[in-house]
């Protein structure tokens, strides 16, 4: 981990929200399904929102999905360790 990440982690770990808040944040962070459902709901809302620019909104949703797939693919390639 580089020094920038360590600085942020040290700062965030020094903040105390209380036991209930800390446990709630940890529970939400561990729920991968929750994170996906929020993203899907936001993209769904953008796709079906009623305004004068439906083509632009749909392009944004498709570009978001495509860039996510590309980022996942590139991340997996970079994480792959070759001897």
N, C-alpha and C. Protein backbone atom coordinates (compact mmCIF):
# COMPACT_ATOMS: atom_id res chain seq x y z
N UNK A 1 0.86 -1.17 0.00
CA UNK A 1 0.00 0.00 0.00
C UNK A 1 0.90 1.24 0.00
N UNK A 2 0.55 2.23 -0.80
CA UNK A 2 1.37 3.43 -0.86
C UNK A 2 1.03 4.40 0.27
N UNK A 3 1.81 5.45 0.41
CA UNK A 3 1.64 6.36 1.54
C UNK A 3 0.31 7.14 1.46
N UNK A 4 -0.16 7.42 0.26
CA UNK A 4 -1.43 8.13 0.10
C UNK A 4 -2.57 7.28 0.68
N UNK A 5 -2.61 6.01 0.31
CA UNK A 5 -3.64 5.11 0.82
C UNK A 5 -3.52 4.93 2.33
N UNK A 6 -2.30 4.82 2.81
CA UNK A 6 -2.09 4.65 4.26
C UNK A 6 -2.58 5.87 5.03
N UNK A 7 -2.35 7.05 4.49
CA UNK A 7 -2.80 8.28 5.15
C UNK A 7 -4.32 8.32 5.25
N UNK A 8 -4.99 7.98 4.16
CA UNK A 8 -6.45 7.97 4.16
C UNK A 8 -6.98 6.91 5.12
N UNK A 9 -6.40 5.73 5.10
CA UNK A 9 -6.84 4.66 5.98
C UNK A 9 -6.63 5.02 7.44
N UNK A 10 -5.51 5.64 7.76
CA UNK A 10 -5.24 6.05 9.14
C UNK A 10 -6.25 7.10 9.60
N UNK A 11 -6.55 8.06 8.73
CA UNK A 11 -7.53 9.09 9.09
C UNK A 11 -8.91 8.48 9.31
N UNK A 12 -9.35 7.64 8.39
CA UNK A 12 -10.68 7.05 8.50
C UNK A 12 -10.80 6.12 9.70
N UNK A 13 -9.72 5.44 10.05
CA UNK A 13 -9.78 4.53 11.20
C UNK A 13 -9.77 5.30 12.52
N UNK A 14 -9.37 6.58 12.49
CA UNK A 14 -9.35 7.36 13.72
C UNK A 14 -10.71 8.00 14.04
N UNK A 15 -11.62 7.98 13.05
CA UNK A 15 -12.96 8.54 13.27
C UNK A 15 -13.81 7.49 13.97
N UNK A 16 -14.46 7.87 15.04
CA UNK A 16 -15.30 6.94 15.79
C UNK A 16 -16.76 7.37 15.69
N UNK A 17 -17.58 6.53 15.06
CA UNK A 17 -18.98 6.84 14.85
C UNK A 17 -19.88 6.24 15.93
N UNK A 18 -19.34 5.43 16.76
CA UNK A 18 -20.14 4.71 17.73
C UNK A 18 -20.30 3.26 17.30
N UNK A 19 -20.62 2.41 18.25
CA UNK A 19 -20.66 0.97 17.98
C UNK A 19 -21.74 0.61 16.95
N UNK A 20 -22.95 1.14 17.12
CA UNK A 20 -24.04 0.79 16.19
C UNK A 20 -23.72 1.25 14.77
N UNK A 21 -23.24 2.47 14.61
CA UNK A 21 -22.92 2.99 13.28
C UNK A 21 -21.79 2.19 12.63
N UNK A 22 -20.78 1.86 13.41
CA UNK A 22 -19.66 1.09 12.89
C UNK A 22 -20.12 -0.29 12.43
N UNK A 23 -20.95 -0.96 13.23
CA UNK A 23 -21.45 -2.28 12.86
C UNK A 23 -22.36 -2.19 11.63
N UNK A 24 -23.15 -1.14 11.53
CA UNK A 24 -24.03 -0.96 10.37
C UNK A 24 -23.22 -0.74 9.10
N UNK A 25 -22.21 0.09 9.18
CA UNK A 25 -21.35 0.35 8.02
C UNK A 25 -20.65 -0.92 7.58
N UNK A 26 -20.15 -1.69 8.54
CA UNK A 26 -19.47 -2.94 8.19
C UNK A 26 -20.44 -3.94 7.56
N UNK A 27 -21.66 -4.03 8.08
CA UNK A 27 -22.64 -4.95 7.52
C UNK A 27 -22.99 -4.58 6.09
N UNK A 28 -23.18 -3.30 5.82
CA UNK A 28 -23.49 -2.85 4.46
C UNK A 28 -22.30 -3.06 3.53
N UNK A 29 -21.09 -2.82 4.02
CA UNK A 29 -19.90 -3.00 3.20
C UNK A 29 -19.68 -4.47 2.83
N UNK A 30 -20.14 -5.38 3.67
CA UNK A 30 -19.98 -6.81 3.40
C UNK A 30 -21.05 -7.36 2.47
N UNK A 31 -22.10 -6.62 2.22
CA UNK A 31 -23.19 -7.10 1.37
C UNK A 31 -22.94 -6.68 -0.07
N UNK A 32 -22.36 -7.55 -0.86
CA UNK A 32 -22.08 -7.24 -2.25
C UNK A 32 -23.38 -7.07 -3.04
N UNK A 33 -24.40 -7.82 -2.68
CA UNK A 33 -25.67 -7.71 -3.37
C UNK A 33 -26.28 -6.33 -3.16
N UNK A 34 -26.18 -5.78 -1.98
CA UNK A 34 -26.71 -4.45 -1.69
C UNK A 34 -26.07 -3.41 -2.59
N UNK A 35 -24.76 -3.49 -2.76
CA UNK A 35 -24.06 -2.52 -3.60
C UNK A 35 -24.53 -2.61 -5.05
N UNK A 36 -24.71 -3.82 -5.52
CA UNK A 36 -25.16 -4.01 -6.90
C UNK A 36 -26.58 -3.51 -7.09
N UNK A 37 -27.43 -3.77 -6.11
CA UNK A 37 -28.83 -3.36 -6.23
C UNK A 37 -28.97 -1.84 -6.28
N UNK A 38 -28.14 -1.13 -5.54
CA UNK A 38 -28.18 0.33 -5.59
C UNK A 38 -27.78 0.82 -6.97
N UNK A 39 -26.72 0.27 -7.53
CA UNK A 39 -26.28 0.67 -8.86
C UNK A 39 -27.34 0.34 -9.90
N UNK A 40 -27.92 -0.84 -9.82
CA UNK A 40 -28.95 -1.23 -10.78
C UNK A 40 -30.16 -0.31 -10.67
N UNK A 41 -30.55 0.03 -9.45
CA UNK A 41 -31.70 0.93 -9.27
C UNK A 41 -31.43 2.31 -9.86
N UNK A 42 -30.23 2.83 -9.67
CA UNK A 42 -29.88 4.15 -10.22
C UNK A 42 -29.86 4.11 -11.75
N UNK A 43 -29.27 3.08 -12.32
CA UNK A 43 -29.23 2.97 -13.78
C UNK A 43 -30.64 2.77 -14.35
N UNK A 44 -31.46 1.99 -13.66
CA UNK A 44 -32.84 1.78 -14.07
C UNK A 44 -33.60 3.12 -14.06
N UNK A 45 -33.41 3.90 -13.02
CA UNK A 45 -34.07 5.20 -12.89
C UNK A 45 -33.63 6.13 -14.03
N UNK A 46 -32.33 6.17 -14.32
CA UNK A 46 -31.83 7.02 -15.40
C UNK A 46 -32.42 6.57 -16.74
N UNK A 47 -32.48 5.27 -16.97
CA UNK A 47 -32.98 4.74 -18.23
C UNK A 47 -34.44 5.14 -18.48
N UNK A 48 -35.29 5.04 -17.45
CA UNK A 48 -36.72 5.27 -17.62
C UNK A 48 -37.20 6.65 -17.18
N UNK A 49 -36.28 7.54 -16.85
CA UNK A 49 -36.65 8.89 -16.44
C UNK A 49 -37.33 9.61 -17.61
N UNK A 50 -38.38 10.36 -17.29
CA UNK A 50 -39.14 11.05 -18.33
C UNK A 50 -38.65 12.50 -18.48
N UNK A 51 -37.95 12.76 -19.54
CA UNK A 51 -37.57 14.12 -19.90
C UNK A 51 -37.38 14.18 -21.42
N UNK A 52 -36.84 15.25 -21.92
CA UNK A 52 -36.75 15.44 -23.36
C UNK A 52 -35.57 14.78 -24.05
N UNK A 53 -34.70 14.08 -23.30
CA UNK A 53 -33.48 13.52 -23.92
C UNK A 53 -33.32 12.03 -23.63
N UNK A 54 -34.22 11.18 -24.07
CA UNK A 54 -34.11 9.75 -23.75
C UNK A 54 -32.91 9.08 -24.41
N UNK A 55 -32.52 9.51 -25.61
CA UNK A 55 -31.38 8.89 -26.28
C UNK A 55 -30.09 9.15 -25.51
N UNK A 56 -29.93 10.38 -25.04
CA UNK A 56 -28.71 10.74 -24.30
C UNK A 56 -28.60 9.94 -23.00
N UNK A 57 -29.72 9.83 -22.27
CA UNK A 57 -29.72 9.08 -21.00
C UNK A 57 -29.39 7.62 -21.24
N UNK A 58 -29.94 7.05 -22.28
CA UNK A 58 -29.67 5.63 -22.56
C UNK A 58 -28.23 5.42 -23.00
N UNK A 59 -27.67 6.38 -23.72
CA UNK A 59 -26.25 6.30 -24.06
C UNK A 59 -25.39 6.33 -22.80
N UNK A 60 -25.76 7.15 -21.83
CA UNK A 60 -25.02 7.24 -20.58
C UNK A 60 -25.07 5.91 -19.83
N UNK A 61 -26.25 5.31 -19.76
CA UNK A 61 -26.39 4.02 -19.06
C UNK A 61 -25.56 2.95 -19.76
N UNK A 62 -25.65 2.88 -21.08
CA UNK A 62 -24.88 1.87 -21.82
C UNK A 62 -23.37 2.11 -21.70
N UNK A 63 -22.96 3.37 -21.75
CA UNK A 63 -21.53 3.68 -21.59
C UNK A 63 -21.05 3.30 -20.19
N UNK A 64 -21.89 3.52 -19.18
CA UNK A 64 -21.53 3.15 -17.81
C UNK A 64 -21.36 1.64 -17.69
N UNK A 65 -22.30 0.89 -18.23
CA UNK A 65 -22.21 -0.57 -18.17
C UNK A 65 -20.99 -1.08 -18.94
N UNK A 66 -20.76 -0.55 -20.13
CA UNK A 66 -19.63 -0.98 -20.93
C UNK A 66 -18.30 -0.64 -20.26
N UNK A 67 -18.20 0.56 -19.70
CA UNK A 67 -16.94 0.93 -19.03
C UNK A 67 -16.72 0.09 -17.78
N UNK A 68 -17.79 -0.30 -17.10
CA UNK A 68 -17.66 -1.19 -15.96
C UNK A 68 -17.12 -2.56 -16.35
N UNK A 69 -17.62 -3.09 -17.46
CA UNK A 69 -17.13 -4.39 -17.94
C UNK A 69 -15.66 -4.28 -18.36
N UNK A 70 -15.32 -3.21 -19.06
CA UNK A 70 -13.92 -3.00 -19.47
C UNK A 70 -13.01 -2.86 -18.24
N UNK A 71 -13.45 -2.09 -17.25
CA UNK A 71 -12.66 -1.92 -16.03
C UNK A 71 -12.48 -3.24 -15.29
N UNK A 72 -13.52 -4.05 -15.24
CA UNK A 72 -13.42 -5.36 -14.61
C UNK A 72 -12.41 -6.24 -15.35
N UNK A 73 -12.48 -6.24 -16.66
CA UNK A 73 -11.56 -7.03 -17.48
C UNK A 73 -10.11 -6.58 -17.29
N UNK A 74 -9.89 -5.27 -17.35
CA UNK A 74 -8.53 -4.73 -17.17
C UNK A 74 -8.02 -5.02 -15.76
N UNK A 75 -8.88 -4.89 -14.75
CA UNK A 75 -8.49 -5.18 -13.38
C UNK A 75 -8.09 -6.64 -13.21
N UNK A 76 -8.84 -7.53 -13.84
CA UNK A 76 -8.50 -8.96 -13.75
C UNK A 76 -7.18 -9.24 -14.47
N UNK A 77 -6.96 -8.58 -15.59
CA UNK A 77 -5.68 -8.77 -16.28
C UNK A 77 -4.51 -8.27 -15.45
N UNK A 78 -4.69 -7.13 -14.80
CA UNK A 78 -3.60 -6.57 -13.98
C UNK A 78 -3.37 -7.39 -12.71
N UNK A 79 -4.41 -8.02 -12.22
CA UNK A 79 -4.28 -8.82 -10.99
C UNK A 79 -3.66 -10.18 -11.28
N UNK A 80 -3.67 -10.58 -12.52
CA UNK A 80 -3.12 -11.88 -12.91
C UNK A 80 -1.60 -11.84 -12.75
N UNK A 81 -1.07 -12.81 -12.04
CA UNK A 81 0.38 -12.85 -11.85
C UNK A 81 0.99 -13.91 -12.77
N UNK A 82 1.86 -13.41 -13.62
CA UNK A 82 2.55 -14.31 -14.53
C UNK A 82 4.02 -14.40 -14.11
N UNK A 83 4.57 -15.60 -14.10
CA UNK A 83 6.00 -15.73 -13.71
C UNK A 83 6.95 -15.18 -14.73
